[in-house]
Amino acid sequence: MSGRKQFDVPTALDQAMRVFWQHGYEGASLEALSSATGLGRGSLYGAFGNKDALFRQCLDRYASVYAARHEEALAAHAGDPVRAVAAFFDATLARIADPSVPDGCLIAQSAAQSPELKEENGAHVRALVDAQRRRVRGALDGADPLVLDELALYVVAVNQSLAVLNRAGTPVDELRVVTRLACGTVAGTLAEGA
């Protein structure tokens, strides 16, 4: 029937997300996006809007998939912030170790490219990082609220750096060292602030 989409929208969005994840916003050409999704330029625009709108939808798709995993990890250790943070990092390391997905993190990569992004896209990336920070902050307790706010920022900074290091080829075993040391910092800071 004419006028009906003849493709699976979530699958096409996942395919476009991988292109942005692998190549960044600037490197994700319309040709690469069309090739990955199997959609012509007109169909791509008709389904998702322009490249900027598609990029934001891909960021949201990425965030929904991986934020859910982080939320589950944090919630699994309610009342034990150090274990919650360790589980949060484990969720990141599981994604990093997954050979079926590109290296790094779409949000971390996009944050690094923020100066080159249009203002609306840069603001969207910042909002996603801020949402991650709020999730982590929600799992922290046992110290002064200002200390907990600072710890949440620290945990998110470490988490984003894991993706950058992964993209640069750092082995997962070495990244586990980073998360172990970060968890030690969280534990020590909480003990001092209690």
C-alpha atoms as a PDB file:
ATOM      1  CA  MET A   1       0.000   0.000   0.000  1.00  0.00           C
ATOM      2  CA  SER A   2       1.336   3.392  -0.873  1.00  0.00           C
ATOM      3  CA  GLY A   3       1.893   5.882   1.901  1.00  0.00           C
ATOM      4  CA  ARG A   4       2.877   3.187   4.410  1.00  0.00           C
ATOM      5  CA  LYS A   5       6.405   2.692   5.635  1.00  0.00           C
ATOM      6  CA  GLN A   6       7.856  -0.458   4.139  1.00  0.00           C
ATOM      7  CA  PHE A   7      10.653  -0.816   6.691  1.00  0.00           C
ATOM      8  CA  ASP A   8      11.072  -1.411  10.394  1.00  0.00           C
ATOM      9  CA  VAL A   9      11.581   2.010  11.999  1.00  0.00           C
ATOM     10  CA  PRO A  10      13.348   0.797  15.188  1.00  0.00           C
ATOM     11  CA  THR A  11      15.761  -1.331  13.133  1.00  0.00           C
ATOM     12  CA  ALA A  12      16.537   1.554  10.797  1.00  0.00           C
ATOM     13  CA  LEU A  13      17.098   3.805  13.802  1.00  0.00           C
ATOM     14  CA  ASP A  14      19.480   1.253  15.340  1.00  0.00           C
ATOM     15  CA  GLN A  15      21.389   1.038  12.063  1.00  0.00           C
ATOM     16  CA  ALA A  16      21.678   4.819  11.834  1.00  0.00           C
ATOM     17  CA  MET A  17      22.744   4.942  15.496  1.00  0.00           C
ATOM     18  CA  ARG A  18      25.642   2.601  14.728  1.00  0.00           C
ATOM     19  CA  VAL A  19      26.803   4.903  11.922  1.00  0.00           C
ATOM     20  CA  PHE A  20      26.844   7.918  14.254  1.00  0.00           C
ATOM     21  CA  TRP A  21      28.488   5.771  16.954  1.00  0.00           C
ATOM     22  CA  GLN A  22      31.243   4.566  14.627  1.00  0.00           C
ATOM     23  CA  HIS A  23      31.866   7.779  12.700  1.00  0.00           C
ATOM     24  CA  GLY A  24      30.596  10.643  14.842  1.00  0.00           C
ATOM     25  CA  TYR A  25      28.155  13.277  13.678  1.00  0.00           C
ATOM     26  CA  GLU A  26      30.410  14.862  11.064  1.00  0.00           C
ATOM     27  CA  GLY A  27      31.654  11.519   9.743  1.00  0.00           C
ATOM     28  CA  ALA A  28      28.147  10.111   9.383  1.00  0.00           C
ATOM     29  CA  SER A  29      27.459  11.086   5.785  1.00  0.00           C
ATOM     30  CA  LEU A  30      23.984  10.863   4.326  1.00  0.00           C
ATOM     31  CA  GLU A  31      25.348   8.208   1.987  1.00  0.00           C
ATOM     32  CA  ALA A  32      26.579   6.118   4.932  1.00  0.00           C
ATOM     33  CA  LEU A  33      23.277   6.575   6.758  1.00  0.00           C
ATOM     34  CA  SER A  34      21.314   5.611   3.637  1.00  0.00           C
ATOM     35  CA  SER A  35      23.522   2.594   3.037  1.00  0.00           C
ATOM     36  CA  ALA A  36      23.241   1.368   6.636  1.00  0.00           C
ATOM     37  CA  THR A  37      19.479   1.781   6.820  1.00  0.00           C
ATOM     38  CA  GLY A  38      18.730   0.718   3.262  1.00  0.00           C
ATOM     39  CA  LEU A  39      16.702   3.904   2.835  1.00  0.00           C
ATOM     40  CA  GLY A  40      17.079   6.495   0.140  1.00  0.00           C
ATOM     41  CA  ARG A  41      17.653  10.080   1.191  1.00  0.00           C
ATOM     42  CA  GLY A  42      13.982  10.989   0.679  1.00  0.00           C
ATOM     43  CA  SER A  43      12.772   8.029   2.738  1.00  0.00           C
ATOM     44  CA  LEU A  44      15.342   8.760   5.434  1.00  0.00           C
ATOM     45  CA  TYR A  45      14.203  12.365   5.692  1.00  0.00           C
ATOM     46  CA  GLY A  46      10.554  11.369   5.460  1.00  0.00           C
ATOM     47  CA  ALA A  47      10.899   8.918   8.339  1.00  0.00           C
ATOM     48  CA  PHE A  48      13.271  10.792  10.642  1.00  0.00           C
ATOM     49  CA  GLY A  49      13.565  14.391   9.477  1.00  0.00           C
ATOM     50  CA  ASN A  50      16.911  15.934   8.624  1.00  0.00           C
ATOM     51  CA  LYS A  51      20.313  14.658   9.770  1.00  0.00           C
ATOM     52  CA  ASP A  52      20.139  16.664  13.007  1.00  0.00           C
ATOM     53  CA  ALA A  53      16.734  15.240  13.927  1.00  0.00           C
ATOM     54  CA  LEU A  54      17.941  11.722  13.108  1.00  0.00           C
ATOM     55  CA  PHE A  55      21.041  12.277  15.249  1.00  0.00           C
ATOM     56  CA  ARG A  56      18.940  13.344  18.253  1.00  0.00           C
ATOM     57  CA  GLN A  57      16.673  10.328  17.801  1.00  0.00           C
ATOM     58  CA  CYS A  58      19.740   8.080  17.693  1.00  0.00           C
ATOM     59  CA  LEU A  59      21.101   9.697  20.869  1.00  0.00           C
ATOM     60  CA  ASP A  60      17.762   9.086  22.576  1.00  0.00           C
ATOM     61  CA  ARG A  61      17.678   5.485  21.364  1.00  0.00           C
ATOM     62  CA  TYR A  62      21.209   4.906  22.629  1.00  0.00           C
ATOM     63  CA  ALA A  63      20.414   6.538  25.965  1.00  0.00           C
ATOM     64  CA  SER A  64      17.231   4.509  26.425  1.00  0.00           C
ATOM     65  CA  VAL A  65      19.017   1.202  25.836  1.00  0.00           C
ATOM     66  CA  TYR A  66      22.069   1.869  27.972  1.00  0.00           C
ATOM     67  CA  ALA A  67      20.446   4.102  30.606  1.00  0.00           C
ATOM     68  CA  ALA A  68      18.092   1.243  31.435  1.00  0.00           C
ATOM     69  CA  ARG A  69      21.069  -1.037  32.041  1.00  0.00           C
ATOM     70  CA  HIS A  70      22.721   1.581  34.242  1.00  0.00           C
ATOM     71  CA  GLU A  71      19.513   2.177  36.196  1.00  0.00           C
ATOM     72  CA  GLU A  72      19.132  -1.555  36.826  1.00  0.00           C
ATOM     73  CA  ALA A  73      22.737  -1.764  37.997  1.00  0.00           C
ATOM     74  CA  LEU A  74      22.353   1.172  40.371  1.00  0.00           C
ATOM     75  CA  ALA A  75      19.002  -0.061  41.721  1.00  0.00           C
ATOM     76  CA  ALA A  76      20.335  -3.563  42.364  1.00  0.00           C
ATOM     77  CA  HIS A  77      22.418  -2.200  45.233  1.00  0.00           C
ATOM     78  CA  ALA A  78      20.133   0.381  46.804  1.00  0.00           C
ATOM     79  CA  GLY A  79      21.541   1.466  50.149  1.00  0.00           C
ATOM     80  CA  ASP A  80      25.096   0.432  49.218  1.00  0.00           C
ATOM     81  CA  PRO A  81      26.448   3.291  47.098  1.00  0.00           C
ATOM     82  CA  VAL A  82      29.888   1.794  46.529  1.00  0.00           C
ATOM     83  CA  ARG A  83      28.443  -1.460  45.200  1.00  0.00           C
ATOM     84  CA  ALA A  84      25.936   0.537  43.151  1.00  0.00           C
ATOM     85  CA  VAL A  85      28.737   2.529  41.544  1.00  0.00           C
ATOM     86  CA  ALA A  86      30.717  -0.667  40.910  1.00  0.00           C
ATOM     87  CA  ALA A  87      27.658  -2.200  39.222  1.00  0.00           C
ATOM     88  CA  PHE A  88      27.203   0.987  37.197  1.00  0.00           C
ATOM     89  CA  PHE A  89      30.789   0.710  35.935  1.00  0.00           C
ATOM     90  CA  ASP A  90      30.287  -3.022  35.286  1.00  0.00           C
ATOM     91  CA  ALA A  91      27.333  -2.168  33.021  1.00  0.00           C
ATOM     92  CA  THR A  92      29.602   0.177  31.071  1.00  0.00           C
ATOM     93  CA  LEU A  93      32.373  -2.416  30.858  1.00  0.00           C
ATOM     94  CA  ALA A  94      29.884  -5.021  29.633  1.00  0.00           C
ATOM     95  CA  ARG A  95      28.909  -2.712  26.771  1.00  0.00           C
ATOM     96  CA  ILE A  96      32.576  -2.012  26.037  1.00  0.00           C
ATOM     97  CA  ALA A  97      33.389  -5.729  25.968  1.00  0.00           C
ATOM     98  CA  ASP A  98      30.457  -6.528  23.671  1.00  0.00           C
ATOM     99  CA  PRO A  99      31.955  -7.267  20.237  1.00  0.00           C
ATOM    100  CA  SER A 100      28.600  -6.666  18.533  1.00  0.00           C
ATOM    101  CA  VAL A 101      28.656  -2.906  19.178  1.00  0.00           C
ATOM    102  CA  PRO A 102      31.142  -0.207  18.159  1.00  0.00           C
ATOM    103  CA  ASP A 103      33.911   0.862  20.512  1.00  0.00           C
ATOM    104  CA  GLY A 104      33.366   3.736  22.903  1.00  0.00           C
ATOM    105  CA  CYS A 105      30.096   5.447  23.683  1.00  0.00           C
ATOM    106  CA  LEU A 106      27.903   7.480  21.371  1.00  0.00           C
ATOM    107  CA  ILE A 107      27.234  10.054  24.093  1.00  0.00           C
ATOM    108  CA  ALA A 108      30.898  10.409  25.114  1.00  0.00           C
ATOM    109  CA  GLN A 109      31.937  10.706  21.480  1.00  0.00           C
ATOM    110  CA  SER A 110      29.225  13.268  20.836  1.00  0.00           C
ATOM    111  CA  ALA A 111      30.196  15.227  23.949  1.00  0.00           C
ATOM    112  CA  ALA A 112      33.767  15.408  22.665  1.00  0.00           C
ATOM    113  CA  GLN A 113      32.421  16.747  19.369  1.00  0.00           C
ATOM    114  CA  SER A 114      30.058  19.263  21.009  1.00  0.00           C
ATOM    115  CA  PRO A 115      31.958  22.335  19.751  1.00  0.00           C
ATOM    116  CA  GLU A 116      31.294  21.184  16.174  1.00  0.00           C
ATOM    117  CA  LEU A 117      27.631  20.276  16.759  1.00  0.00           C
ATOM    118  CA  LYS A 118      24.738  22.611  16.179  1.00  0.00           C
ATOM    119  CA  GLU A 119      23.624  24.274  19.393  1.00  0.00           C
ATOM    120  CA  GLU A 120      20.470  22.155  19.727  1.00  0.00           C
ATOM    121  CA  ASN A 121      22.432  18.919  19.333  1.00  0.00           C
ATOM    122  CA  GLY A 122      25.106  20.032  21.799  1.00  0.00           C
ATOM    123  CA  ALA A 123      22.415  20.915  24.326  1.00  0.00           C
ATOM    124  CA  HIS A 124      20.822  17.497  23.785  1.00  0.00           C
ATOM    125  CA  VAL A 125      24.131  15.738  24.476  1.00  0.00           C
ATOM    126  CA  ARG A 126      24.636  17.810  27.653  1.00  0.00           C
ATOM    127  CA  ALA A 127      21.118  16.935  28.803  1.00  0.00           C
ATOM    128  CA  LEU A 128      21.861  13.214  28.391  1.00  0.00           C
ATOM    129  CA  VAL A 129      25.094  13.536  30.399  1.00  0.00           C
ATOM    130  CA  ASP A 130      23.192  15.477  33.066  1.00  0.00           C
ATOM    131  CA  ALA A 131      20.562  12.721  33.197  1.00  0.00           C
ATOM    132  CA  GLN A 132      23.302  10.169  33.815  1.00  0.00           C
ATOM    133  CA  ARG A 133      24.665  12.347  36.586  1.00  0.00           C
ATOM    134  CA  ARG A 134      21.203  12.552  38.228  1.00  0.00           C
ATOM    135  CA  ARG A 135      20.855   8.756  38.062  1.00  0.00           C
ATOM    136  CA  VAL A 136      24.202   8.268  39.774  1.00  0.00           C
ATOM    137  CA  ARG A 137      23.430  10.970  42.342  1.00  0.00           C
ATOM    138  CA  GLY A 138      20.199   9.160  43.193  1.00  0.00           C
ATOM    139  CA  ALA A 139      22.193   6.068  44.168  1.00  0.00           C
ATOM    140  CA  LEU A 140      24.520   7.944  46.512  1.00  0.00           C
ATOM    141  CA  ASP A 141      23.838   8.638  50.174  1.00  0.00           C
ATOM    142  CA  GLY A 142      25.623   8.733  53.497  1.00  0.00           C
ATOM    143  CA  ALA A 143      27.409  12.072  53.214  1.00  0.00           C
ATOM    144  CA  ASP A 144      26.891  15.790  52.834  1.00  0.00           C
ATOM    145  CA  PRO A 145      24.735  16.547  49.755  1.00  0.00           C
ATOM    146  CA  LEU A 146      27.467  18.733  48.242  1.00  0.00           C
ATOM    147  CA  VAL A 147      29.939  15.851  48.552  1.00  0.00           C
ATOM    148  CA  LEU A 148      27.414  13.528  46.910  1.00  0.00           C
ATOM    149  CA  ASP A 149      26.886  15.985  44.049  1.00  0.00           C
ATOM    150  CA  GLU A 150      30.643  16.116  43.515  1.00  0.00           C
ATOM    151  CA  LEU A 151      30.918  12.326  43.655  1.00  0.00           C
ATOM    152  CA  ALA A 152      28.173  11.957  41.057  1.00  0.00           C
ATOM    153  CA  LEU A 153      30.098  14.291  38.759  1.00  0.00           C
ATOM    154  CA  TYR A 154      33.288  12.304  39.392  1.00  0.00           C
ATOM    155  CA  VAL A 155      31.611   8.948  38.646  1.00  0.00           C
ATOM    156  CA  VAL A 156      30.147  10.250  35.388  1.00  0.00           C
ATOM    157  CA  ALA A 157      33.535  11.711  34.405  1.00  0.00           C
ATOM    158  CA  VAL A 158      35.221   8.353  35.021  1.00  0.00           C
ATOM    159  CA  ASN A 159      32.454   6.565  33.146  1.00  0.00           C
ATOM    160  CA  GLN A 160      32.819   8.812  30.106  1.00  0.00           C
ATOM    161  CA  SER A 161      36.594   8.430  30.207  1.00  0.00           C
ATOM    162  CA  LEU A 162      36.195   4.642  30.060  1.00  0.00           C
ATOM    163  CA  ALA A 163      34.528   5.036  26.676  1.00  0.00           C
ATOM    164  CA  VAL A 164      37.240   7.376  25.431  1.00  0.00           C
ATOM    165  CA  LEU A 165      39.995   5.025  26.587  1.00  0.00           C
ATOM    166  CA  ASN A 166      38.180   2.095  24.981  1.00  0.00           C
ATOM    167  CA  ARG A 167      37.947   3.973  21.710  1.00  0.00           C
ATOM    168  CA  ALA A 168      41.708   4.553  21.948  1.00  0.00           C
ATOM    169  CA  GLY A 169      42.286   0.806  22.290  1.00  0.00           C
ATOM    170  CA  THR A 170      42.765   0.398  26.049  1.00  0.00           C
ATOM    171  CA  PRO A 171      42.032  -3.235  26.999  1.00  0.00           C
ATOM    172  CA  VAL A 172      39.034  -3.954  29.230  1.00  0.00           C
ATOM    173  CA  ASP A 173      41.301  -5.430  31.935  1.00  0.00           C
ATOM    174  CA  GLU A 174      43.044  -2.076  32.250  1.00  0.00           C
ATOM    175  CA  LEU A 175      39.705  -0.290  32.347  1.00  0.00           C
ATOM    176  CA  ARG A 176      38.729  -2.537  35.264  1.00  0.00           C
ATOM    177  CA  VAL A 177      41.727  -1.132  37.138  1.00  0.00           C
ATOM    178  CA  VAL A 178      40.336   2.368  36.575  1.00  0.00           C
ATOM    179  CA  THR A 179      36.912   1.372  37.912  1.00  0.00           C
ATOM    180  CA  ARG A 180      38.435  -0.386  40.939  1.00  0.00           C
ATOM    181  CA  LEU A 181      40.408   2.717  41.835  1.00  0.00           C
ATOM    182  CA  ALA A 182      37.366   4.920  41.228  1.00  0.00           C
ATOM    183  CA  CYS A 183      35.258   2.764  43.546  1.00  0.00           C
ATOM    184  CA  GLY A 184      37.993   3.112  46.170  1.00  0.00           C
ATOM    185  CA  THR A 185      37.794   6.889  45.790  1.00  0.00           C
ATOM    186  CA  VAL A 186      34.017   6.778  46.184  1.00  0.00           C
ATOM    187  CA  ALA A 187      34.285   4.598  49.299  1.00  0.00           C
ATOM    188  CA  GLY A 188      36.968   6.826  50.829  1.00  0.00           C
ATOM    189  CA  THR A 189      35.090  10.027  50.084  1.00  0.00           C
ATOM    190  CA  LEU A 190      31.883   8.640  51.557  1.00  0.00           C
ATOM    191  CA  ALA A 191      33.727   7.470  54.676  1.00  0.00           C
ATOM    192  CA  GLU A 192      35.299  10.919  55.143  1.00  0.00           C
ATOM    193  CA  GLY A 193      31.993  12.693  54.567  1.00  0.00           C
ATOM    194  CA  ALA A 194      29.925  10.479  56.850  1.00  0.00           C
END
